[in-house]
Amino acid sequence: MVESTRKVLGEFMLEARRRRHLSREELAYRANVHQNTVANWENGDGLTLDGFVQWCDALGMLASEVLRKVGR
């Protein structure tokens, strides 16, 4: 994934979590990952396709919907 895309996606992920009033710990529990992983994703680091899908599932969002919203 291109670095600028990761950054934009990470920012979107952070805002989506905050809009749902979830802590990193709560989202990590839902996504079955460590809260440091969530922090990395939101910083645009270490986000894999599998991680992106886990995040989408944890928030009840479709990956295609998220990608359209971030303009990629």
PDB file of N, CA and C in Angstrom:
ATOM      1  N   MET A   1       0.849  -1.166   0.000  1.00  0.00           N
ATOM      2  CA  MET A   1       0.000   0.000   0.000  1.00  0.00           C
ATOM      3  C   MET A   1       0.899   1.234   0.000  1.00  0.00           C
ATOM      4  N   VAL A   2       0.570   2.223  -0.793  1.00  0.00           N
ATOM      5  CA  VAL A   2       1.346   3.449  -0.878  1.00  0.00           C
ATOM      6  C   VAL A   2       1.242   4.200   0.450  1.00  0.00           C
ATOM      7  N   GLU A   3       2.359   4.795   0.870  1.00  0.00           N
ATOM      8  CA  GLU A   3       2.408   5.447   2.181  1.00  0.00           C
ATOM      9  C   GLU A   3       1.331   6.505   2.356  1.00  0.00           C
ATOM     10  N   SER A   4       1.083   7.346   1.345  1.00  0.00           N
ATOM     11  CA  SER A   4       0.061   8.390   1.477  1.00  0.00           C
ATOM     12  C   SER A   4      -1.326   7.782   1.647  1.00  0.00           C
ATOM     13  N   THR A   5      -1.580   6.668   0.988  1.00  0.00           N
ATOM     14  CA  THR A   5      -2.861   5.980   1.132  1.00  0.00           C
ATOM     15  C   THR A   5      -3.009   5.437   2.542  1.00  0.00           C
ATOM     16  N   ARG A   6      -1.933   4.870   3.084  1.00  0.00           N
ATOM     17  CA  ARG A   6      -1.971   4.351   4.455  1.00  0.00           C
ATOM     18  C   ARG A   6      -2.276   5.463   5.442  1.00  0.00           C
ATOM     19  N   LYS A   7      -1.670   6.622   5.233  1.00  0.00           N
ATOM     20  CA  LYS A   7      -1.880   7.748   6.146  1.00  0.00           C
ATOM     21  C   LYS A   7      -3.333   8.228   6.089  1.00  0.00           C
ATOM     22  N   VAL A   8      -3.868   8.391   4.895  1.00  0.00           N
ATOM     23  CA  VAL A   8      -5.255   8.836   4.734  1.00  0.00           C
ATOM     24  C   VAL A   8      -6.208   7.808   5.340  1.00  0.00           C
ATOM     25  N   LEU A   9      -5.955   6.549   5.068  1.00  0.00           N
ATOM     26  CA  LEU A   9      -6.795   5.489   5.603  1.00  0.00           C
ATOM     27  C   LEU A   9      -6.686   5.433   7.124  1.00  0.00           C
ATOM     28  N   GLY A  10      -5.483   5.585   7.654  1.00  0.00           N
ATOM     29  CA  GLY A  10      -5.297   5.597   9.103  1.00  0.00           C
ATOM     30  C   GLY A  10      -6.062   6.723   9.771  1.00  0.00           C
ATOM     31  N   GLU A  11      -6.034   7.900   9.173  1.00  0.00           N
ATOM     32  CA  GLU A  11      -6.775   9.041   9.716  1.00  0.00           C
ATOM     33  C   GLU A  11      -8.276   8.766   9.692  1.00  0.00           C
ATOM     34  N   PHE A  12      -8.745   8.157   8.599  1.00  0.00           N
ATOM     35  CA  PHE A  12     -10.163   7.798   8.509  1.00  0.00           C
ATOM     36  C   PHE A  12     -10.525   6.793   9.607  1.00  0.00           C
ATOM     37  N   MET A  13      -9.642   5.817   9.828  1.00  0.00           N
ATOM     38  CA  MET A  13      -9.888   4.790  10.832  1.00  0.00           C
ATOM     39  C   MET A  13      -9.991   5.406  12.227  1.00  0.00           C
ATOM     40  N   LEU A  14      -9.109   6.338  12.519  1.00  0.00           N
ATOM     41  CA  LEU A  14      -9.126   7.028  13.809  1.00  0.00           C
ATOM     42  C   LEU A  14     -10.441   7.780  13.997  1.00  0.00           C
ATOM     43  N   GLU A  15     -10.829   8.538  13.000  1.00  0.00           N
ATOM     44  CA  GLU A  15     -12.066   9.320  13.093  1.00  0.00           C
ATOM     45  C   GLU A  15     -13.292   8.421  13.198  1.00  0.00           C
ATOM     46  N   ALA A  16     -13.307   7.319  12.468  1.00  0.00           N
ATOM     47  CA  ALA A  16     -14.441   6.384  12.535  1.00  0.00           C
ATOM     48  C   ALA A  16     -14.569   5.798  13.937  1.00  0.00           C
ATOM     49  N   ARG A  17     -13.436   5.441  14.531  1.00  0.00           N
ATOM     50  CA  ARG A  17     -13.463   4.905  15.898  1.00  0.00           C
ATOM     51  C   ARG A  17     -13.968   5.953  16.879  1.00  0.00           C
ATOM     52  N   ARG A  18     -13.486   7.164  16.740  1.00  0.00           N
ATOM     53  CA  ARG A  18     -13.902   8.237  17.652  1.00  0.00           C
ATOM     54  C   ARG A  18     -15.388   8.577  17.493  1.00  0.00           C
ATOM     55  N   ARG A  19     -15.880   8.565  16.249  1.00  0.00           N
ATOM     56  CA  ARG A  19     -17.303   8.845  16.025  1.00  0.00           C
ATOM     57  C   ARG A  19     -18.183   7.810  16.732  1.00  0.00           C
ATOM     58  N   ARG A  20     -17.668   6.622  16.891  1.00  0.00           N
ATOM     59  CA  ARG A  20     -18.410   5.557  17.560  1.00  0.00           C
ATOM     60  C   ARG A  20     -18.124   5.507  19.064  1.00  0.00           C
ATOM     61  N   HIS A  21     -17.354   6.477  19.539  1.00  0.00           N
ATOM     62  CA  HIS A  21     -17.013   6.594  20.965  1.00  0.00           C
ATOM     63  C   HIS A  21     -16.398   5.309  21.508  1.00  0.00           C
ATOM     64  N   LEU A  22     -15.485   4.744  20.722  1.00  0.00           N
ATOM     65  CA  LEU A  22     -14.778   3.536  21.139  1.00  0.00           C
ATOM     66  C   LEU A  22     -13.343   3.883  21.501  1.00  0.00           C
ATOM     67  N   SER A  23     -12.848   3.253  22.536  1.00  0.00           N
ATOM     68  CA  SER A  23     -11.430   3.383  22.857  1.00  0.00           C
ATOM     69  C   SER A  23     -10.656   2.430  21.951  1.00  0.00           C
ATOM     70  N   ARG A  24      -9.355   2.625  21.901  1.00  0.00           N
ATOM     71  CA  ARG A  24      -8.530   1.678  21.136  1.00  0.00           C
ATOM     72  C   ARG A  24      -8.673   0.275  21.705  1.00  0.00           C
ATOM     73  N   GLU A  25      -8.748   0.209  23.027  1.00  0.00           N
ATOM     74  CA  GLU A  25      -8.882  -1.090  23.686  1.00  0.00           C
ATOM     75  C   GLU A  25     -10.181  -1.787  23.263  1.00  0.00           C
ATOM     76  N   GLU A  26     -11.281  -1.034  23.214  1.00  0.00           N
ATOM     77  CA  GLU A  26     -12.566  -1.623  22.818  1.00  0.00           C
ATOM     78  C   GLU A  26     -12.535  -2.106  21.372  1.00  0.00           C
ATOM     79  N   LEU A  27     -11.967  -1.290  20.494  1.00  0.00           N
ATOM     80  CA  LEU A  27     -11.881  -1.693  19.093  1.00  0.00           C
ATOM     81  C   LEU A  27     -10.957  -2.889  18.931  1.00  0.00           C
ATOM     82  N   ALA A  28      -9.860  -2.893  19.662  1.00  0.00           N
ATOM     83  CA  ALA A  28      -8.934  -4.022  19.599  1.00  0.00           C
ATOM     84  C   ALA A  28      -9.629  -5.312  20.017  1.00  0.00           C
ATOM     85  N   TYR A  29     -10.443  -5.242  21.049  1.00  0.00           N
ATOM     86  CA  TYR A  29     -11.186  -6.417  21.503  1.00  0.00           C
ATOM     87  C   TYR A  29     -12.120  -6.907  20.394  1.00  0.00           C
ATOM     88  N   ARG A  30     -12.837  -5.976  19.773  1.00  0.00           N
ATOM     89  CA  ARG A  30     -13.768  -6.345  18.696  1.00  0.00           C
ATOM     90  C   ARG A  30     -13.047  -6.945  17.489  1.00  0.00           C
ATOM     91  N   ALA A  31     -11.859  -6.418  17.194  1.00  0.00           N
ATOM     92  CA  ALA A  31     -11.102  -6.872  16.021  1.00  0.00           C
ATOM     93  C   ALA A  31     -10.188  -8.050  16.344  1.00  0.00           C
ATOM     94  N   ASN A  32     -10.137  -8.425  17.626  1.00  0.00           N
ATOM     95  CA  ASN A  32      -9.299  -9.539  18.077  1.00  0.00           C
ATOM     96  C   ASN A  32      -7.810  -9.282  17.796  1.00  0.00           C
ATOM     97  N   VAL A  33      -7.381  -8.049  18.129  1.00  0.00           N
ATOM     98  CA  VAL A  33      -5.975  -7.658  17.991  1.00  0.00           C
ATOM     99  C   VAL A  33      -5.563  -6.906  19.256  1.00  0.00           C
ATOM    100  N   HIS A  34      -4.277  -6.639  19.394  1.00  0.00           N
ATOM    101  CA  HIS A  34      -3.772  -5.860  20.525  1.00  0.00           C
ATOM    102  C   HIS A  34      -4.052  -4.380  20.271  1.00  0.00           C
ATOM    103  N   GLN A  35      -4.251  -3.614  21.344  1.00  0.00           N
ATOM    104  CA  GLN A  35      -4.547  -2.191  21.159  1.00  0.00           C
ATOM    105  C   GLN A  35      -3.394  -1.440  20.494  1.00  0.00           C
ATOM    106  N   ASN A  36      -2.163  -1.928  20.642  1.00  0.00           N
ATOM    107  CA  ASN A  36      -1.043  -1.301  19.921  1.00  0.00           C
ATOM    108  C   ASN A  36      -1.192  -1.476  18.419  1.00  0.00           C
ATOM    109  N   THR A  37      -1.803  -2.573  18.009  1.00  0.00           N
ATOM    110  CA  THR A  37      -2.062  -2.794  16.581  1.00  0.00           C
ATOM    111  C   THR A  37      -3.023  -1.738  16.063  1.00  0.00           C
ATOM    112  N   VAL A  38      -4.068  -1.452  16.824  1.00  0.00           N
ATOM    113  CA  VAL A  38      -5.026  -0.412  16.432  1.00  0.00           C
ATOM    114  C   VAL A  38      -4.307   0.927  16.325  1.00  0.00           C
ATOM    115  N   ALA A  39      -3.447   1.244  17.272  1.00  0.00           N
ATOM    116  CA  ALA A  39      -2.685   2.497  17.233  1.00  0.00           C
ATOM    117  C   ALA A  39      -1.825   2.550  15.977  1.00  0.00           C
ATOM    118  N   ASN A  40      -1.173   1.449  15.652  1.00  0.00           N
ATOM    119  CA  ASN A  40      -0.351   1.411  14.439  1.00  0.00           C
ATOM    120  C   ASN A  40      -1.198   1.639  13.201  1.00  0.00           C
ATOM    121  N   TRP A  41      -2.332   0.973  13.117  1.00  0.00           N
ATOM    122  CA  TRP A  41      -3.216   1.158  11.955  1.00  0.00           C
ATOM    123  C   TRP A  41      -3.597   2.630  11.810  1.00  0.00           C
ATOM    124  N   GLU A  42      -3.978   3.247  12.923  1.00  0.00           N
ATOM    125  CA  GLU A  42      -4.415   4.645  12.880  1.00  0.00           C
ATOM    126  C   GLU A  42      -3.273   5.594  12.536  1.00  0.00           C
ATOM    127  N   ASN A  43      -2.051   5.165  12.755  1.00  0.00           N
ATOM    128  CA  ASN A  43      -0.881   5.961  12.373  1.00  0.00           C
ATOM    129  C   ASN A  43      -0.399   5.626  10.968  1.00  0.00           C
ATOM    130  N   GLY A  44      -1.091   4.714  10.306  1.00  0.00           N
ATOM    131  CA  GLY A  44      -0.715   4.336   8.952  1.00  0.00           C
ATOM    132  C   GLY A  44       0.410   3.326   8.887  1.00  0.00           C
ATOM    133  N   ASP A  45       0.683   2.661   9.999  1.00  0.00           N
ATOM    134  CA  ASP A  45       1.772   1.678  10.064  1.00  0.00           C
ATOM    135  C   ASP A  45       1.209   0.267  10.184  1.00  0.00           C
ATOM    136  N   GLY A  46       1.795  -0.658   9.476  1.00  0.00           N
ATOM    137  CA  GLY A  46       1.492  -2.067   9.658  1.00  0.00           C
ATOM    138  C   GLY A  46       0.107  -2.508   9.237  1.00  0.00           C
ATOM    139  N   LEU A  47      -0.594  -1.698   8.464  1.00  0.00           N
ATOM    140  CA  LEU A  47      -1.935  -2.083   8.043  1.00  0.00           C
ATOM    141  C   LEU A  47      -1.845  -3.032   6.855  1.00  0.00           C
ATOM    142  N   THR A  48      -2.331  -4.236   7.060  1.00  0.00           N
ATOM    143  CA  THR A  48      -2.390  -5.233   5.998  1.00  0.00           C
ATOM    144  C   THR A  48      -3.826  -5.323   5.501  1.00  0.00           C
ATOM    145  N   LEU A  49      -4.013  -6.021   4.414  1.00  0.00           N
ATOM    146  CA  LEU A  49      -5.366  -6.227   3.906  1.00  0.00           C
ATOM    147  C   LEU A  49      -6.205  -6.978   4.940  1.00  0.00           C
ATOM    148  N   ASP A  50      -5.626  -7.997   5.552  1.00  0.00           N
ATOM    149  CA  ASP A  50      -6.345  -8.745   6.593  1.00  0.00           C
ATOM    150  C   ASP A  50      -6.726  -7.833   7.758  1.00  0.00           C
ATOM    151  N   GLY A  51      -5.798  -6.982   8.167  1.00  0.00           N
ATOM    152  CA  GLY A  51      -6.075  -6.041   9.250  1.00  0.00           C
ATOM    153  C   GLY A  51      -7.183  -5.071   8.891  1.00  0.00           C
ATOM    154  N   PHE A  52      -7.169  -4.601   7.660  1.00  0.00           N
ATOM    155  CA  PHE A  52      -8.205  -3.688   7.184  1.00  0.00           C
ATOM    156  C   PHE A  52      -9.571  -4.368   7.243  1.00  0.00           C
ATOM    157  N   VAL A  53      -9.632  -5.609   6.810  1.00  0.00           N
ATOM    158  CA  VAL A  53     -10.894  -6.364   6.833  1.00  0.00           C
ATOM    159  C   VAL A  53     -11.349  -6.587   8.279  1.00  0.00           C
ATOM    160  N   GLN A  54     -10.418  -6.920   9.176  1.00  0.00           N
ATOM    161  CA  GLN A  54     -10.759  -7.090  10.601  1.00  0.00           C
ATOM    162  C   GLN A  54     -11.345  -5.802  11.164  1.00  0.00           C
ATOM    163  N   TRP A  55     -10.722  -4.682  10.831  1.00  0.00           N
ATOM    164  CA  TRP A  55     -11.180  -3.386  11.313  1.00  0.00           C
ATOM    165  C   TRP A  55     -12.581  -3.096  10.794  1.00  0.00           C
ATOM    166  N   CYS A  56     -12.793  -3.311   9.496  1.00  0.00           N
ATOM    167  CA  CYS A  56     -14.118  -3.080   8.903  1.00  0.00           C
ATOM    168  C   CYS A  56     -15.171  -3.941   9.592  1.00  0.00           C
ATOM    169  N   ASP A  57     -14.873  -5.215   9.776  1.00  0.00           N
ATOM    170  CA  ASP A  57     -15.804  -6.127  10.431  1.00  0.00           C
ATOM    171  C   ASP A  57     -16.114  -5.672  11.851  1.00  0.00           C
ATOM    172  N   ALA A  58     -15.094  -5.233  12.576  1.00  0.00           N
ATOM    173  CA  ALA A  58     -15.264  -4.817  13.964  1.00  0.00           C
ATOM    174  C   ALA A  58     -16.184  -3.605  14.090  1.00  0.00           C
ATOM    175  N   LEU A  59     -16.189  -2.754  13.057  1.00  0.00           N
ATOM    176  CA  LEU A  59     -17.038  -1.562  13.087  1.00  0.00           C
ATOM    177  C   LEU A  59     -18.315  -1.730  12.266  1.00  0.00           C
ATOM    178  N   GLY A  60     -18.496  -2.908  11.686  1.00  0.00           N
ATOM    179  CA  GLY A  60     -19.704  -3.156  10.897  1.00  0.00           C
ATOM    180  C   GLY A  60     -19.749  -2.364   9.603  1.00  0.00           C
ATOM    181  N   MET A  61     -18.591  -2.161   9.009  1.00  0.00           N
ATOM    182  CA  MET A  61     -18.502  -1.396   7.762  1.00  0.00           C
ATOM    183  C   MET A  61     -18.042  -2.305   6.627  1.00  0.00           C
ATOM    184  N   LEU A  62     -18.480  -1.981   5.428  1.00  0.00           N
ATOM    185  CA  LEU A  62     -18.016  -2.701   4.247  1.00  0.00           C
ATOM    186  C   LEU A  62     -16.713  -2.081   3.761  1.00  0.00           C
ATOM    187  N   ALA A  63     -15.756  -2.920   3.408  1.00  0.00           N
ATOM    188  CA  ALA A  63     -14.467  -2.421   2.927  1.00  0.00           C
ATOM    189  C   ALA A  63     -14.656  -1.520   1.710  1.00  0.00           C
ATOM    190  N   SER A  64     -15.537  -1.904   0.800  1.00  0.00           N
ATOM    191  CA  SER A  64     -15.758  -1.098  -0.404  1.00  0.00           C
ATOM    192  C   SER A  64     -16.313   0.279  -0.047  1.00  0.00           C
ATOM    193  N   GLU A  65     -17.169   0.345   0.960  1.00  0.00           N
ATOM    194  CA  GLU A  65     -17.728   1.612   1.410  1.00  0.00           C
ATOM    195  C   GLU A  65     -16.629   2.511   1.984  1.00  0.00           C
ATOM    196  N   VAL A  66     -15.753   1.931   2.784  1.00  0.00           N
ATOM    197  CA  VAL A  66     -14.659   2.697   3.378  1.00  0.00           C
ATOM    198  C   VAL A  66     -13.743   3.236   2.294  1.00  0.00           C
ATOM    199  N   LEU A  67     -13.380   2.387   1.339  1.00  0.00           N
ATOM    200  CA  LEU A  67     -12.476   2.811   0.270  1.00  0.00           C
ATOM    201  C   LEU A  67     -13.091   3.918  -0.571  1.00  0.00           C
ATOM    202  N   ARG A  68     -14.387   3.869  -0.808  1.00  0.00           N
ATOM    203  CA  ARG A  68     -15.041   4.959  -1.544  1.00  0.00           C
ATOM    204  C   ARG A  68     -14.987   6.259  -0.748  1.00  0.00           C
ATOM    205  N   LYS A  69     -15.190   6.156   0.557  1.00  0.00           N
ATOM    206  CA  LYS A  69     -15.198   7.353   1.404  1.00  0.00           C
ATOM    207  C   LYS A  69     -13.824   8.017   1.475  1.00  0.00           C
ATOM    208  N   VAL A  70     -12.770   7.241   1.418  1.00  0.00           N
ATOM    209  CA  VAL A  70     -11.439   7.836   1.477  1.00  0.00           C
ATOM    210  C   VAL A  70     -10.928   8.210   0.089  1.00  0.00           C
ATOM    211  N   GLY A  71     -11.733   7.906  -0.930  1.00  0.00           N
ATOM    212  CA  GLY A  71     -11.396   8.341  -2.286  1.00  0.00           C
ATOM    213  C   GLY A  71     -10.329   7.521  -2.957  1.00  0.00           C
ATOM    214  N   ARG A  72     -10.203   6.271  -2.595  1.00  0.00           N
ATOM    215  CA  ARG A  72      -9.194   5.403  -3.214  1.00  0.00           C
ATOM    216  C   ARG A  72      -9.864   4.294  -3.973  1.00  0.00           C
TER     217      ARG A  72
END
